[in-house]
Each structure stands twice: as C-alpha cells, then as structure tokens.
C-alpha atoms as a PDB file:
ATOM      1  CA  UNK A   1       9.188 -16.628 -15.481  1.00  0.00           C
ATOM      2  CA  UNK A   2       5.783 -16.810 -13.845  1.00  0.00           C
ATOM      3  CA  UNK A   3       4.267 -13.607 -12.507  1.00  0.00           C
ATOM      4  CA  UNK A   4       2.867 -13.575  -8.999  1.00  0.00           C
ATOM      5  CA  UNK A   5       0.975 -10.304  -9.479  1.00  0.00           C
ATOM      6  CA  UNK A   6      -2.617 -10.173  -8.274  1.00  0.00           C
ATOM      7  CA  UNK A   7      -4.641  -8.353 -10.974  1.00  0.00           C
ATOM      8  CA  UNK A   8      -7.464  -7.497  -8.545  1.00  0.00           C
ATOM      9  CA  UNK A   9      -4.994  -5.933  -6.125  1.00  0.00           C
ATOM     10  CA  UNK A  10      -3.331  -3.956  -8.929  1.00  0.00           C
ATOM     11  CA  UNK A  11      -6.759  -2.674 -10.043  1.00  0.00           C
ATOM     12  CA  UNK A  12      -7.611  -1.698  -6.467  1.00  0.00           C
ATOM     13  CA  UNK A  13      -4.334   0.200  -6.037  1.00  0.00           C
ATOM     14  CA  UNK A  14      -4.798   1.841  -9.442  1.00  0.00           C
ATOM     15  CA  UNK A  15      -8.278   3.041  -8.478  1.00  0.00           C
ATOM     16  CA  UNK A  16      -6.988   4.347  -5.144  1.00  0.00           C
ATOM     17  CA  UNK A  17      -4.176   6.343  -6.751  1.00  0.00           C
ATOM     18  CA  UNK A  18      -6.522   7.791  -9.385  1.00  0.00           C
ATOM     19  CA  UNK A  19      -9.160   8.747  -6.821  1.00  0.00           C
ATOM     20  CA  UNK A  20      -6.669  10.391  -4.463  1.00  0.00           C
ATOM     21  CA  UNK A  21      -4.955  12.212  -7.314  1.00  0.00           C
ATOM     22  CA  UNK A  22      -8.302  13.528  -8.583  1.00  0.00           C
ATOM     23  CA  UNK A  23      -9.329  14.599  -5.064  1.00  0.00           C
ATOM     24  CA  UNK A  24      -6.026  16.474  -4.758  1.00  0.00           C
ATOM     25  CA  UNK A  25      -6.548  18.114  -8.170  1.00  0.00           C
ATOM     26  CA  UNK A  26      -3.163  16.835  -9.324  1.00  0.00           C
ATOM     27  CA  UNK A  27      -2.239  15.834 -12.839  1.00  0.00           C
ATOM     28  CA  UNK A  28      -0.212  12.680 -13.351  1.00  0.00           C
ATOM     29  CA  UNK A  29       2.766  14.928 -13.931  1.00  0.00           C
ATOM     30  CA  UNK A  30       2.072  16.856 -10.727  1.00  0.00           C
ATOM     31  CA  UNK A  31       1.874  13.655  -8.695  1.00  0.00           C
ATOM     32  CA  UNK A  32       5.011  12.329 -10.352  1.00  0.00           C
ATOM     33  CA  UNK A  33       6.926  15.500  -9.501  1.00  0.00           C
ATOM     34  CA  UNK A  34       5.652  15.552  -5.903  1.00  0.00           C
ATOM     35  CA  UNK A  35       6.524  11.871  -5.488  1.00  0.00           C
ATOM     36  CA  UNK A  36       9.889  11.764  -7.245  1.00  0.00           C
ATOM     37  CA  UNK A  37       8.794   9.272  -9.898  1.00  0.00           C
ATOM     38  CA  UNK A  38       8.125   9.632 -13.619  1.00  0.00           C
ATOM     39  CA  UNK A  39       4.745  10.496 -15.140  1.00  0.00           C
ATOM     40  CA  UNK A  40       4.950   7.319 -17.212  1.00  0.00           C
ATOM     41  CA  UNK A  41       5.307   5.287 -14.028  1.00  0.00           C
ATOM     42  CA  UNK A  42       2.259   7.003 -12.483  1.00  0.00           C
ATOM     43  CA  UNK A  43       0.301   6.212 -15.661  1.00  0.00           C
ATOM     44  CA  UNK A  44       1.322   2.541 -15.509  1.00  0.00           C
ATOM     45  CA  UNK A  45       0.291   2.378 -11.847  1.00  0.00           C
ATOM     46  CA  UNK A  46      -3.090   3.929 -12.668  1.00  0.00           C
ATOM     47  CA  UNK A  47      -3.613   1.389 -15.437  1.00  0.00           C
ATOM     48  CA  UNK A  48      -2.708  -1.489 -13.124  1.00  0.00           C
ATOM     49  CA  UNK A  49       0.204  -2.426 -15.365  1.00  0.00           C
ATOM     50  CA  UNK A  50       2.899  -2.363 -12.694  1.00  0.00           C
ATOM     51  CA  UNK A  51       3.281  -2.929  -8.999  1.00  0.00           C
ATOM     52  CA  UNK A  52       4.884  -0.279  -6.774  1.00  0.00           C
ATOM     53  CA  UNK A  53       7.736  -0.974  -4.402  1.00  0.00           C
ATOM     54  CA  UNK A  54       7.417  -0.149  -0.726  1.00  0.00           C
ATOM     55  CA  UNK A  55       9.564   2.937  -1.280  1.00  0.00           C
ATOM     56  CA  UNK A  56       7.266   4.063  -4.084  1.00  0.00           C
ATOM     57  CA  UNK A  57       4.169   3.607  -1.927  1.00  0.00           C
ATOM     58  CA  UNK A  58       5.712   5.906   0.690  1.00  0.00           C
ATOM     59  CA  UNK A  59       6.697   8.470  -1.966  1.00  0.00           C
ATOM     60  CA  UNK A  60       3.239   8.439  -3.555  1.00  0.00           C
ATOM     61  CA  UNK A  61       1.584   8.847  -0.162  1.00  0.00           C
ATOM     62  CA  UNK A  62       3.790  11.843   0.567  1.00  0.00           C
ATOM     63  CA  UNK A  63       3.037  13.315  -2.860  1.00  0.00           C
ATOM     64  CA  UNK A  64      -0.679  12.860  -2.192  1.00  0.00           C
ATOM     65  CA  UNK A  65      -0.443  14.382   1.275  1.00  0.00           C
ATOM     66  CA  UNK A  66      -1.494  11.240   3.109  1.00  0.00           C
ATOM     67  CA  UNK A  67       0.069   8.458   5.095  1.00  0.00           C
ATOM     68  CA  UNK A  68       1.055   5.169   3.490  1.00  0.00           C
ATOM     69  CA  UNK A  69      -0.986   3.345   6.129  1.00  0.00           C
ATOM     70  CA  UNK A  70      -4.140   5.208   5.123  1.00  0.00           C
ATOM     71  CA  UNK A  71      -3.487   4.537   1.449  1.00  0.00           C
ATOM     72  CA  UNK A  72      -2.943   0.814   2.078  1.00  0.00           C
ATOM     73  CA  UNK A  73      -6.073   0.597   4.247  1.00  0.00           C
ATOM     74  CA  UNK A  74      -8.183   2.236   1.528  1.00  0.00           C
ATOM     75  CA  UNK A  75      -6.634  -0.012  -1.110  1.00  0.00           C
ATOM     76  CA  UNK A  76      -7.574  -3.073   0.957  1.00  0.00           C
ATOM     77  CA  UNK A  77     -11.202  -1.914   1.057  1.00  0.00           C
ATOM     78  CA  UNK A  78     -11.185  -1.553  -2.733  1.00  0.00           C
ATOM     79  CA  UNK A  79      -9.453  -4.939  -3.086  1.00  0.00           C
ATOM     80  CA  UNK A  80     -12.138  -6.690  -1.048  1.00  0.00           C
ATOM     81  CA  UNK A  81     -14.804  -5.090  -3.268  1.00  0.00           C
ATOM     82  CA  UNK A  82     -12.899  -6.276  -6.365  1.00  0.00           C
ATOM     83  CA  UNK A  83     -12.839  -9.824  -4.995  1.00  0.00           C
ATOM     84  CA  UNK A  84     -16.546  -9.734  -4.117  1.00  0.00           C
ATOM     85  CA  UNK A  85     -17.280  -8.476  -7.637  1.00  0.00           C
ATOM     86  CA  UNK A  86     -15.285 -11.307  -9.160  1.00  0.00           C
ATOM     87  CA  UNK A  87     -17.087 -13.936  -7.102  1.00  0.00           C
ATOM     88  CA  UNK A  88     -20.503 -12.449  -7.886  1.00  0.00           C
ATOM     89  CA  UNK A  89     -19.836 -12.606 -11.638  1.00  0.00           C
ATOM     90  CA  UNK A  90     -18.778 -16.256 -11.572  1.00  0.00           C
END
C-alpha cells in the first residue's frame, strides 16, 4: 500500500510539538499523561514517524495548554519553511 504521508509536514509537526513541549517544560511522559496518549506515541510524533489523528491533535493541544488552531497555524509556518528549504537545496 502506498503511503500518502508528507515528510515535510511530519517534520514541521514534529518540530512544533518538541518546541511547545520544551517551552512548557514537559517531558515526553508528562505530555503523554496530560494528553491521554502514550509516551512512545509522543516520541514517534516528535521523530516524524507517525501522523496524528484529529482527535490526537486536540488532545495534544490541550496537554500543551494551547488551542489546536494555534498549533496548526504554527505548524503551517514551519511547513512552509521546510518547503522553502527543500526548494533552495535542489
């Protein structure tokens, strides 16, 4: 089965989660507990190895004390930078 995952988008979301978690002084375990997911899942998200569901995005936002809209907006900014970086290196 062919994957339709966008690696640049996964990297952007991973960077956003890591940055917000660090700014909140949360460990992966702390974020997992606050969000109702496993630490392993948080680690996979931060490595860009998996894509979160809509429900998970809302849970992570709550665990990070932010709104999902703000998290998505910030991720889009990072995504656009990722794409610009890819085009510049080609």
